[in-house]
Amino acid sequence: MYPTFKDIKHEQFYEGNIRMTHSQQDPYRKALFYLLGLTPQTRQHIQDIYDYEESCIRLEGLEQGWQTSSSIKLTRLAFNLFNGYTGDSEADRDYSRNYSPYHLFDTSLMPYFFEALKLRYAEYAHTLQQPFLPFSPIHADHSEEYEMES
């Protein structure tokens, strides 16, 4: 499955990071780099968000002054898809409610968030590629054929 990209810079960032980290078979990093490549801010500040030497996310990237309302949402989703992170209540860094769909998906980047979900959960997303489902309203006029075949 090849995702839809926002623009050429997004695609180049994703492809470059997947190659550099040897993550061609890693759905966690595929989703992470796909999301972090969406905005110029996250691409420019990738070193604040991801530690290439340790191969891990940098939680302090959530608190950086360059983060915008959209970039913080995509960073939160990227961290969540990478390792399930939902905020650090002990350190009072981020509130777990900020990781709910109500807060995360309220952005024009939402279609790309779904692409990241498909990358992360590819084993389930393949069913979304079917041309139609038998109960689809689009094919309701053919329901008699389904009944006859049964």
C-alpha atoms as a PDB file:
ATOM      1  CA  MET A   1       0.000   0.000   0.000  1.00  0.00           C
ATOM      2  CA  TYR A   2       1.413   3.351  -1.051  1.00  0.00           C
ATOM      3  CA  PRO A   3       0.044   6.384   0.825  1.00  0.00           C
ATOM      4  CA  THR A   4      -1.226   9.660  -0.579  1.00  0.00           C
ATOM      5  CA  PHE A   5       1.185  12.525   0.057  1.00  0.00           C
ATOM      6  CA  LYS A   6       0.416  16.186   0.677  1.00  0.00           C
ATOM      7  CA  ASP A   7       3.174  17.365  -1.654  1.00  0.00           C
ATOM      8  CA  ILE A   8       6.594  16.389  -3.028  1.00  0.00           C
ATOM      9  CA  LYS A   9       8.441  17.600   0.099  1.00  0.00           C
ATOM     10  CA  HIS A  10       6.250  15.370   2.237  1.00  0.00           C
ATOM     11  CA  GLU A  11       6.960  12.367   0.038  1.00  0.00           C
ATOM     12  CA  GLN A  12      10.709  13.038  -0.091  1.00  0.00           C
ATOM     13  CA  PHE A  13      10.909  13.431   3.684  1.00  0.00           C
ATOM     14  CA  TYR A  14       9.019  10.171   4.223  1.00  0.00           C
ATOM     15  CA  GLU A  15      11.007   8.162   1.676  1.00  0.00           C
ATOM     16  CA  GLY A  16      14.331   9.558   2.869  1.00  0.00           C
ATOM     17  CA  ASN A  17      13.652   8.762   6.510  1.00  0.00           C
ATOM     18  CA  ILE A  18      12.341   5.286   5.768  1.00  0.00           C
ATOM     19  CA  ARG A  19      15.505   4.495   3.787  1.00  0.00           C
ATOM     20  CA  MET A  20      17.851   6.123   6.313  1.00  0.00           C
ATOM     21  CA  THR A  21      16.349   4.241   9.272  1.00  0.00           C
ATOM     22  CA  HIS A  22      15.889   0.976   7.332  1.00  0.00           C
ATOM     23  CA  SER A  23      12.191   1.023   8.243  1.00  0.00           C
ATOM     24  CA  GLN A  24      10.692  -0.406   5.050  1.00  0.00           C
ATOM     25  CA  GLN A  25       8.996  -3.161   7.083  1.00  0.00           C
ATOM     26  CA  ASP A  26       8.339  -1.123  10.254  1.00  0.00           C
ATOM     27  CA  PRO A  27       4.733   0.136  10.426  1.00  0.00           C
ATOM     28  CA  TYR A  28       5.499   2.169  13.559  1.00  0.00           C
ATOM     29  CA  ARG A  29       8.166   4.295  11.890  1.00  0.00           C
ATOM     30  CA  LYS A  30       6.270   4.451   8.618  1.00  0.00           C
ATOM     31  CA  ALA A  31       3.358   6.145  10.410  1.00  0.00           C
ATOM     32  CA  LEU A  32       5.726   8.328  12.445  1.00  0.00           C
ATOM     33  CA  PHE A  33       7.729   9.669   9.508  1.00  0.00           C
ATOM     34  CA  TYR A  34       4.634   9.990   7.329  1.00  0.00           C
ATOM     35  CA  LEU A  35       3.033  12.274   9.903  1.00  0.00           C
ATOM     36  CA  LEU A  36       6.182  14.202  10.812  1.00  0.00           C
ATOM     37  CA  GLY A  37       6.724  14.981   7.147  1.00  0.00           C
ATOM     38  CA  LEU A  38       3.380  16.747   6.749  1.00  0.00           C
ATOM     39  CA  THR A  39       4.397  20.272   7.759  1.00  0.00           C
ATOM     40  CA  PRO A  40       7.464  22.429   7.152  1.00  0.00           C
ATOM     41  CA  GLN A  41       7.766  22.952  10.926  1.00  0.00           C
ATOM     42  CA  THR A  42       8.030  19.262  11.766  1.00  0.00           C
ATOM     43  CA  ARG A  43      10.348  18.552   8.848  1.00  0.00           C
ATOM     44  CA  GLN A  44      12.637  21.426   9.806  1.00  0.00           C
ATOM     45  CA  HIS A  45      12.674  20.465  13.496  1.00  0.00           C
ATOM     46  CA  ILE A  46      12.824  16.677  13.132  1.00  0.00           C
ATOM     47  CA  GLN A  47      15.895  16.587  15.414  1.00  0.00           C
ATOM     48  CA  ASP A  48      13.703  18.043  18.197  1.00  0.00           C
ATOM     49  CA  ILE A  49      11.132  15.282  17.700  1.00  0.00           C
ATOM     50  CA  TYR A  50      13.119  12.168  16.809  1.00  0.00           C
ATOM     51  CA  ASP A  51      16.503  10.911  18.029  1.00  0.00           C
ATOM     52  CA  TYR A  52      18.126   9.073  15.135  1.00  0.00           C
ATOM     53  CA  GLU A  53      21.016   7.742  17.230  1.00  0.00           C
ATOM     54  CA  GLU A  54      18.744   6.171  19.850  1.00  0.00           C
ATOM     55  CA  SER A  55      15.935   5.392  17.354  1.00  0.00           C
ATOM     56  CA  CYS A  56      13.293   6.927  19.590  1.00  0.00           C
ATOM     57  CA  ILE A  57      10.959   9.891  19.888  1.00  0.00           C
ATOM     58  CA  ARG A  58      11.848  12.985  21.913  1.00  0.00           C
ATOM     59  CA  LEU A  59       8.941  13.874  24.181  1.00  0.00           C
ATOM     60  CA  GLU A  60      10.366  17.355  24.770  1.00  0.00           C
ATOM     61  CA  GLY A  61       9.541  18.040  21.117  1.00  0.00           C
ATOM     62  CA  LEU A  62       5.939  18.489  22.216  1.00  0.00           C
ATOM     63  CA  GLU A  63       6.902  21.560  24.257  1.00  0.00           C
ATOM     64  CA  GLN A  64       8.883  23.444  21.630  1.00  0.00           C
ATOM     65  CA  GLY A  65       7.917  27.023  20.786  1.00  0.00           C
ATOM     66  CA  TRP A  66       7.901  26.360  17.042  1.00  0.00           C
ATOM     67  CA  GLN A  67       4.961  23.944  17.359  1.00  0.00           C
ATOM     68  CA  THR A  68       1.712  25.203  15.794  1.00  0.00           C
ATOM     69  CA  SER A  69      -1.796  23.971  16.583  1.00  0.00           C
ATOM     70  CA  SER A  70      -1.653  21.618  13.583  1.00  0.00           C
ATOM     71  CA  SER A  71       1.915  20.432  14.102  1.00  0.00           C
ATOM     72  CA  ILE A  72       1.286  19.590  17.760  1.00  0.00           C
ATOM     73  CA  LYS A  73      -1.707  17.464  16.764  1.00  0.00           C
ATOM     74  CA  LEU A  74       0.232  15.542  14.149  1.00  0.00           C
ATOM     75  CA  THR A  75       3.168  15.113  16.556  1.00  0.00           C
ATOM     76  CA  ARG A  76       0.842  13.724  19.220  1.00  0.00           C
ATOM     77  CA  LEU A  77      -0.709  11.289  16.762  1.00  0.00           C
ATOM     78  CA  ALA A  78       2.740  10.308  15.452  1.00  0.00           C
ATOM     79  CA  PHE A  79       3.959   9.575  18.992  1.00  0.00           C
ATOM     80  CA  ASN A  80       0.796   7.638  19.781  1.00  0.00           C
ATOM     81  CA  LEU A  81       1.062   5.472  16.667  1.00  0.00           C
ATOM     82  CA  PHE A  82       4.793   4.966  17.274  1.00  0.00           C
ATOM     83  CA  ASN A  83       4.583   3.637  20.825  1.00  0.00           C
ATOM     84  CA  GLY A  84       1.145   4.325  22.290  1.00  0.00           C
ATOM     85  CA  TYR A  85       2.183   7.531  24.059  1.00  0.00           C
ATOM     86  CA  THR A  86      -0.814   9.446  25.430  1.00  0.00           C
ATOM     87  CA  GLY A  87       0.702  12.182  27.566  1.00  0.00           C
ATOM     88  CA  ASP A  88       2.810  12.133  30.678  1.00  0.00           C
ATOM     89  CA  SER A  89       0.565  12.965  33.618  1.00  0.00           C
ATOM     90  CA  GLU A  90       3.354  12.528  36.223  1.00  0.00           C
ATOM     91  CA  ALA A  91       5.571  15.162  34.621  1.00  0.00           C
ATOM     92  CA  ASP A  92       2.499  17.244  33.685  1.00  0.00           C
ATOM     93  CA  ARG A  93       3.879  17.573  30.161  1.00  0.00           C
ATOM     94  CA  ASP A  94       0.756  16.866  28.209  1.00  0.00           C
ATOM     95  CA  TYR A  95      -2.778  15.849  29.085  1.00  0.00           C
ATOM     96  CA  SER A  96      -4.053  12.506  27.875  1.00  0.00           C
ATOM     97  CA  ARG A  97      -7.307  14.143  26.714  1.00  0.00           C
ATOM     98  CA  ASN A  98      -5.253  15.889  24.009  1.00  0.00           C
ATOM     99  CA  TYR A  99      -4.769  12.456  22.422  1.00  0.00           C
ATOM    100  CA  SER A 100      -8.478  11.806  21.927  1.00  0.00           C
ATOM    101  CA  PRO A 101      -9.991  11.943  18.427  1.00  0.00           C
ATOM    102  CA  TYR A 102     -11.972  14.998  19.558  1.00  0.00           C
ATOM    103  CA  HIS A 103      -8.750  16.976  19.946  1.00  0.00           C
ATOM    104  CA  LEU A 104      -6.484  15.297  17.398  1.00  0.00           C
ATOM    105  CA  PHE A 105      -8.668  15.184  14.300  1.00  0.00           C
ATOM    106  CA  ASP A 106      -9.906  18.769  14.410  1.00  0.00           C
ATOM    107  CA  THR A 107      -7.573  19.859  11.606  1.00  0.00           C
ATOM    108  CA  SER A 108      -7.446  20.110   7.834  1.00  0.00           C
ATOM    109  CA  LEU A 109      -4.702  17.450   7.953  1.00  0.00           C
ATOM    110  CA  MET A 110      -7.232  14.784   8.958  1.00  0.00           C
ATOM    111  CA  PRO A 111      -7.225  12.957   5.577  1.00  0.00           C
ATOM    112  CA  TYR A 112      -3.485  12.425   5.989  1.00  0.00           C
ATOM    113  CA  PHE A 113      -4.009  11.205   9.542  1.00  0.00           C
ATOM    114  CA  PHE A 114      -6.123   8.395   8.077  1.00  0.00           C
ATOM    115  CA  GLU A 115      -3.290   7.545   5.690  1.00  0.00           C
ATOM    116  CA  ALA A 116      -0.958   7.245   8.691  1.00  0.00           C
ATOM    117  CA  LEU A 117      -3.449   4.939  10.417  1.00  0.00           C
ATOM    118  CA  LYS A 118      -3.477   2.737   7.322  1.00  0.00           C
ATOM    119  CA  LEU A 119       0.328   2.601   7.342  1.00  0.00           C
ATOM    120  CA  ARG A 120       0.435   1.689  11.010  1.00  0.00           C
ATOM    121  CA  TYR A 121      -2.360  -0.900  10.801  1.00  0.00           C
ATOM    122  CA  ALA A 122      -1.737  -2.200   7.299  1.00  0.00           C
ATOM    123  CA  GLU A 123      -2.865  -5.711   8.224  1.00  0.00           C
ATOM    124  CA  TYR A 124      -6.390  -4.354   8.783  1.00  0.00           C
ATOM    125  CA  ALA A 125      -6.408  -1.579   6.196  1.00  0.00           C
ATOM    126  CA  HIS A 126      -6.239  -3.982   3.228  1.00  0.00           C
ATOM    127  CA  THR A 127      -9.981  -4.609   3.590  1.00  0.00           C
ATOM    128  CA  LEU A 128     -10.547  -0.925   2.816  1.00  0.00           C
ATOM    129  CA  GLN A 129      -9.224  -1.561  -0.692  1.00  0.00           C
ATOM    130  CA  GLN A 130     -12.188  -3.758  -1.685  1.00  0.00           C
ATOM    131  CA  PRO A 131     -14.146  -2.359  -4.642  1.00  0.00           C
ATOM    132  CA  PHE A 132     -17.407  -2.602  -2.707  1.00  0.00           C
ATOM    133  CA  LEU A 133     -18.987  -4.390   0.199  1.00  0.00           C
ATOM    134  CA  PRO A 134     -22.069  -6.578  -0.381  1.00  0.00           C
ATOM    135  CA  PHE A 135     -24.187  -4.312   1.805  1.00  0.00           C
ATOM    136  CA  SER A 136     -23.047  -1.100   0.138  1.00  0.00           C
ATOM    137  CA  PRO A 137     -25.891   1.322  -0.696  1.00  0.00           C
ATOM    138  CA  ILE A 138     -24.173   1.927  -4.040  1.00  0.00           C
ATOM    139  CA  HIS A 139     -24.926  -1.647  -5.041  1.00  0.00           C
ATOM    140  CA  ALA A 140     -28.358  -1.850  -3.415  1.00  0.00           C
ATOM    141  CA  ASP A 141     -29.994  -2.200  -6.836  1.00  0.00           C
ATOM    142  CA  HIS A 142     -28.176  -5.532  -7.208  1.00  0.00           C
ATOM    143  CA  SER A 143     -29.486  -6.907  -3.913  1.00  0.00           C
ATOM    144  CA  GLU A 144     -31.742  -9.352  -5.779  1.00  0.00           C
ATOM    145  CA  GLU A 145     -28.644 -10.964  -7.311  1.00  0.00           C
ATOM    146  CA  TYR A 146     -27.159 -11.504  -3.855  1.00  0.00           C
ATOM    147  CA  GLU A 147     -30.374 -13.047  -2.593  1.00  0.00           C
ATOM    148  CA  MET A 148     -30.551 -15.448  -5.563  1.00  0.00           C
ATOM    149  CA  GLU A 149     -26.945 -16.551  -5.090  1.00  0.00           C
ATOM    150  CA  SER A 150     -27.471 -17.343  -1.402  1.00  0.00           C
END
